[in-house]
Protein backbone atom coordinates (compact mmCIF):
# COMPACT_ATOMS: atom_id res chain seq x y z
CA MET A 1 217.79 46.78 -158.32
CA THR A 2 215.45 47.72 -161.21
CA ASN A 3 211.86 46.90 -161.47
CA SER A 4 211.33 44.01 -163.71
CA ILE A 5 207.44 44.28 -163.91
CA TYR A 6 206.62 45.41 -167.43
CA THR A 7 204.29 48.57 -167.55
CA THR A 8 202.65 49.42 -170.86
CA ALA A 9 203.10 52.75 -172.43
CA ALA A 10 200.48 55.30 -171.28
CA PRO A 11 199.22 55.90 -174.72
CA VAL A 12 198.85 52.08 -175.41
CA ALA A 13 197.29 51.83 -172.19
CA ARG A 14 194.55 54.60 -172.94
CA LEU A 15 193.64 52.95 -176.42
CA ILE A 16 193.10 49.59 -174.77
CA GLU A 17 190.87 51.10 -172.09
CA GLU A 18 189.25 53.27 -174.59
CA LEU A 19 188.71 50.12 -177.05
CA HIS A 20 187.29 48.10 -173.93
CA LYS A 21 184.60 50.28 -173.53
CA LEU A 22 183.00 49.49 -176.78
CA PRO A 23 179.98 46.77 -176.63
CA GLY A 24 181.38 43.26 -177.12
CA ILE A 25 184.99 44.28 -176.73
CA GLY A 26 186.64 42.27 -173.74
CA PRO A 27 189.97 43.24 -172.41
CA LYS A 28 191.86 40.67 -174.57
CA SER A 29 190.04 41.82 -177.81
CA ALA A 30 191.06 45.54 -176.91
CA GLN A 31 194.74 44.50 -176.45
CA ARG A 32 194.30 42.53 -179.88
CA LEU A 33 192.91 45.51 -181.42
CA THR A 34 195.32 48.13 -179.97
CA TYR A 35 198.56 46.08 -181.30
CA HIS A 36 196.95 45.40 -184.53
CA LEU A 37 196.82 49.43 -184.98
CA LEU A 38 200.38 49.73 -183.69
CA ARG A 39 201.38 47.35 -186.40
CA ALA A 40 199.35 49.13 -189.09
CA PRO A 41 200.64 51.82 -191.31
CA ALA A 42 199.86 55.34 -189.96
CA GLU A 43 197.69 56.11 -192.57
CA ASP A 44 195.25 53.31 -191.70
CA ALA A 45 195.12 54.56 -188.19
CA ARG A 46 194.50 58.11 -189.39
CA ALA A 47 191.61 57.08 -191.58
CA LEU A 48 190.11 55.15 -188.53
CA ALA A 49 190.45 58.24 -186.38
CA GLN A 50 188.93 60.31 -189.18
CA ALA A 51 185.86 58.14 -189.70
CA ILE A 52 185.19 58.19 -186.12
CA LEU A 53 185.25 62.09 -185.85
CA GLU A 54 183.23 62.23 -189.15
CA VAL A 55 180.64 59.95 -187.50
CA LYS A 56 180.27 62.14 -184.44
CA GLU A 57 180.49 65.38 -186.47
CA LYS A 58 178.38 64.95 -189.38
CA ILE A 59 175.89 62.23 -188.27
CA THR A 60 172.48 63.42 -186.80
CA LEU A 61 169.23 62.02 -186.45
CA CYS A 62 166.34 62.41 -188.90
CA SER A 63 163.79 64.72 -187.90
CA ILE A 64 161.13 62.61 -189.31
CA CYS A 65 161.66 59.05 -188.61
CA GLN A 66 164.77 59.31 -185.96
CA ASN A 67 167.02 57.14 -188.11
CA VAL A 68 170.80 58.01 -188.39
CA THR A 69 171.46 60.28 -191.16
CA ASP A 70 174.04 62.82 -192.75
CA ALA A 71 171.17 64.78 -194.49
CA ASP A 72 167.61 65.78 -193.04
CA PRO A 73 165.41 64.51 -194.06
CA CYS A 74 167.05 60.92 -194.44
CA SER A 75 166.93 59.08 -197.77
CA ILE A 76 164.18 57.12 -196.89
CA CYS A 77 161.75 59.85 -195.76
CA ASP A 78 162.67 61.78 -198.77
CA ASP A 79 161.73 59.06 -201.08
CA HIS A 80 158.31 59.97 -202.42
CA GLY A 81 157.86 56.45 -203.91
CA ARG A 82 157.69 54.75 -200.54
CA ASP A 83 153.94 54.12 -198.93
CA SER A 84 153.54 56.72 -196.41
CA ALA A 85 150.63 55.02 -194.95
CA SER A 86 152.51 52.10 -193.40
CA LEU A 87 154.86 52.91 -190.64
CA CYS A 88 157.25 50.32 -189.38
CA VAL A 89 158.47 50.59 -185.76
CA VAL A 90 161.86 49.30 -185.04
CA GLU A 91 164.06 49.43 -181.87
CA GLU A 92 167.53 50.77 -183.52
CA PRO A 93 168.95 52.13 -186.85
CA LEU A 94 170.50 48.66 -187.57
CA ASP A 95 166.94 47.22 -187.84
CA ILE A 96 166.06 49.13 -190.77
CA LEU A 97 169.34 47.95 -192.53
CA ALA A 98 167.73 44.30 -191.90
CA LEU A 99 164.45 44.85 -193.05
CA GLU A 100 165.67 47.08 -196.17
CA ARG A 101 168.04 44.16 -197.05
CA THR A 102 164.67 41.79 -197.67
CA ARG A 103 163.49 44.41 -200.17
CA SER A 104 159.82 43.26 -199.19
CA PHE A 105 159.06 46.37 -197.20
CA LYS A 106 158.09 49.53 -199.19
CA GLY A 107 156.58 51.76 -196.46
CA ARG A 108 158.29 54.19 -193.99
CA TYR A 109 160.04 53.70 -190.59
CA HIS A 110 160.34 55.04 -186.94
CA VAL A 111 163.31 54.53 -184.79
CA LEU A 112 162.54 54.14 -180.89
CA HIS A 113 166.29 54.09 -180.20
CA GLY A 114 165.99 51.41 -177.59
CA VAL A 115 163.27 49.40 -175.60
CA LEU A 116 161.44 49.77 -172.25
CA SER A 117 163.61 48.19 -169.58
CA PRO A 118 163.13 48.98 -165.84
CA MET A 119 166.04 46.99 -164.97
CA ASP A 120 167.99 49.38 -166.98
CA GLY A 121 166.13 52.65 -165.99
CA THR A 122 164.71 52.97 -169.57
CA GLY A 123 161.22 54.49 -169.66
CA PRO A 124 158.83 55.63 -172.27
CA GLY A 125 160.32 59.16 -171.96
CA ASP A 126 163.69 57.65 -172.87
CA LEU A 127 162.50 56.44 -176.23
CA LYS A 128 161.21 58.27 -179.39
CA ILE A 129 157.39 57.53 -178.61
CA GLN A 130 156.59 61.15 -178.33
CA GLU A 131 157.99 61.88 -181.77
CA LEU A 132 156.09 58.61 -182.85
CA LEU A 133 152.74 60.52 -181.74
CA GLU A 134 153.39 63.50 -183.34
CA ARG A 135 153.99 61.95 -186.77
CA LEU A 136 150.51 60.16 -186.37
CA ARG A 137 148.79 63.40 -186.16
CA SER A 138 148.61 64.09 -189.81
CA GLY A 139 146.48 61.07 -190.32
CA GLU A 140 148.64 59.98 -193.27
CA VAL A 141 149.44 56.56 -191.48
CA THR A 142 147.07 53.86 -191.46
CA GLU A 143 149.02 50.83 -190.47
CA ILE A 144 151.72 50.47 -187.70
CA ILE A 145 153.90 47.49 -188.00
CA LEU A 146 155.66 46.97 -184.64
CA ALA A 147 159.11 45.43 -185.41
CA THR A 148 160.58 45.13 -181.96
CA ASN A 149 162.70 42.24 -181.07
CA PRO A 150 160.91 38.97 -179.68
CA ASN A 151 162.34 39.08 -176.22
CA LEU A 152 160.74 40.38 -172.95
CA GLU A 153 161.62 43.99 -173.48
CA GLY A 154 160.67 43.90 -177.02
CA GLU A 155 157.37 42.47 -176.29
CA ALA A 156 156.79 44.93 -173.28
CA THR A 157 157.52 48.01 -175.60
CA ALA A 158 155.23 46.56 -178.41
CA MET A 159 152.33 46.04 -175.96
CA TYR A 160 152.97 49.61 -174.40
CA ILE A 161 152.81 51.32 -177.92
CA SER A 162 149.99 49.19 -179.11
CA ARG A 163 148.01 50.29 -176.07
CA LEU A 164 149.01 53.92 -176.30
CA LEU A 165 147.80 53.95 -180.31
CA LYS A 166 144.49 52.07 -179.59
CA PRO A 167 142.31 55.16 -179.41
CA LEU A 168 143.94 56.21 -182.63
CA ASP A 169 141.89 53.78 -184.77
CA LEU A 170 145.00 52.49 -186.79
CA ARG A 171 145.68 49.10 -188.11
CA ILE A 172 148.46 47.63 -185.52
CA THR A 173 150.30 44.55 -186.59
CA ARG A 174 153.25 42.69 -185.21
CA LEU A 175 156.04 40.77 -186.90
CA ALA A 176 155.16 37.14 -187.38
CA ARG A 177 157.51 34.87 -185.60
CA GLY A 178 157.92 31.25 -186.10
CA LEU A 179 160.70 28.78 -187.29
CA PRO A 180 163.60 29.64 -189.24
CA MET A 181 163.98 28.21 -192.67
CA GLY A 182 166.35 25.07 -192.53
CA GLY A 183 165.67 24.90 -188.43
CA ASP A 184 164.86 21.59 -186.84
CA LEU A 185 161.91 21.29 -184.77
CA GLU A 186 163.75 19.25 -181.92
CA TYR A 187 166.03 22.15 -181.48
CA ALA A 188 163.27 25.06 -181.28
CA ASP A 189 162.51 26.40 -177.96
CA ASP A 190 159.00 26.35 -176.70
CA VAL A 191 158.21 30.05 -177.28
CA THR A 192 159.38 29.57 -181.14
CA LEU A 193 157.12 26.55 -181.44
CA THR A 194 154.06 28.21 -179.80
CA ARG A 195 154.37 31.36 -182.12
CA ALA A 196 154.78 29.08 -185.12
CA LEU A 197 151.81 27.28 -184.49
CA GLU A 198 149.88 30.34 -183.45
CA GLY A 199 150.90 31.81 -186.96
CA ARG A 200 150.25 28.84 -189.12
CA GLN A 201 148.93 29.31 -192.65
CA GLU A 202 146.97 27.41 -195.15
CA VAL A 203 148.59 25.31 -197.79
């Protein structure tokens, strides 16, 4: 009697397993992506594989700001038209993309590559804080903008860095937080409303 239980081919199972390791990809999504790649033309699969390899082989961290780059220094650090006195500290490289889309900030950046999180075992030594302190020794920076996320870990990280930098006599600011454009008061949480009240402006 033959075994009627269907078993997935080993290469397919391996791809599902590897895709499932990616953040936000559950088992069902991993299966859908795998079978999409199976149906796709071979050149599309090769292009994806090549792009992944190039990211791992060619992308490095900027020696100045710690952003991901394929040239050192990165294009932002190499831009002499930017304000070197203003330094915006962010959690991840993606945060730089978000801020750059606004076209409002003309200073420079520093990427921490994470936040303080005792629950996850992430301490100050796991972040690019020492590299930040090294940058500030030149005396060129006069303002630090702490642009960590407005959650427990982001707040703790911002507080830790601000205490660390206090003896350096720098202007330390935090991104304003409040109500989003188009949002309704009745749907806002207590923390957001509190921040909005604290950050109110004259009209």
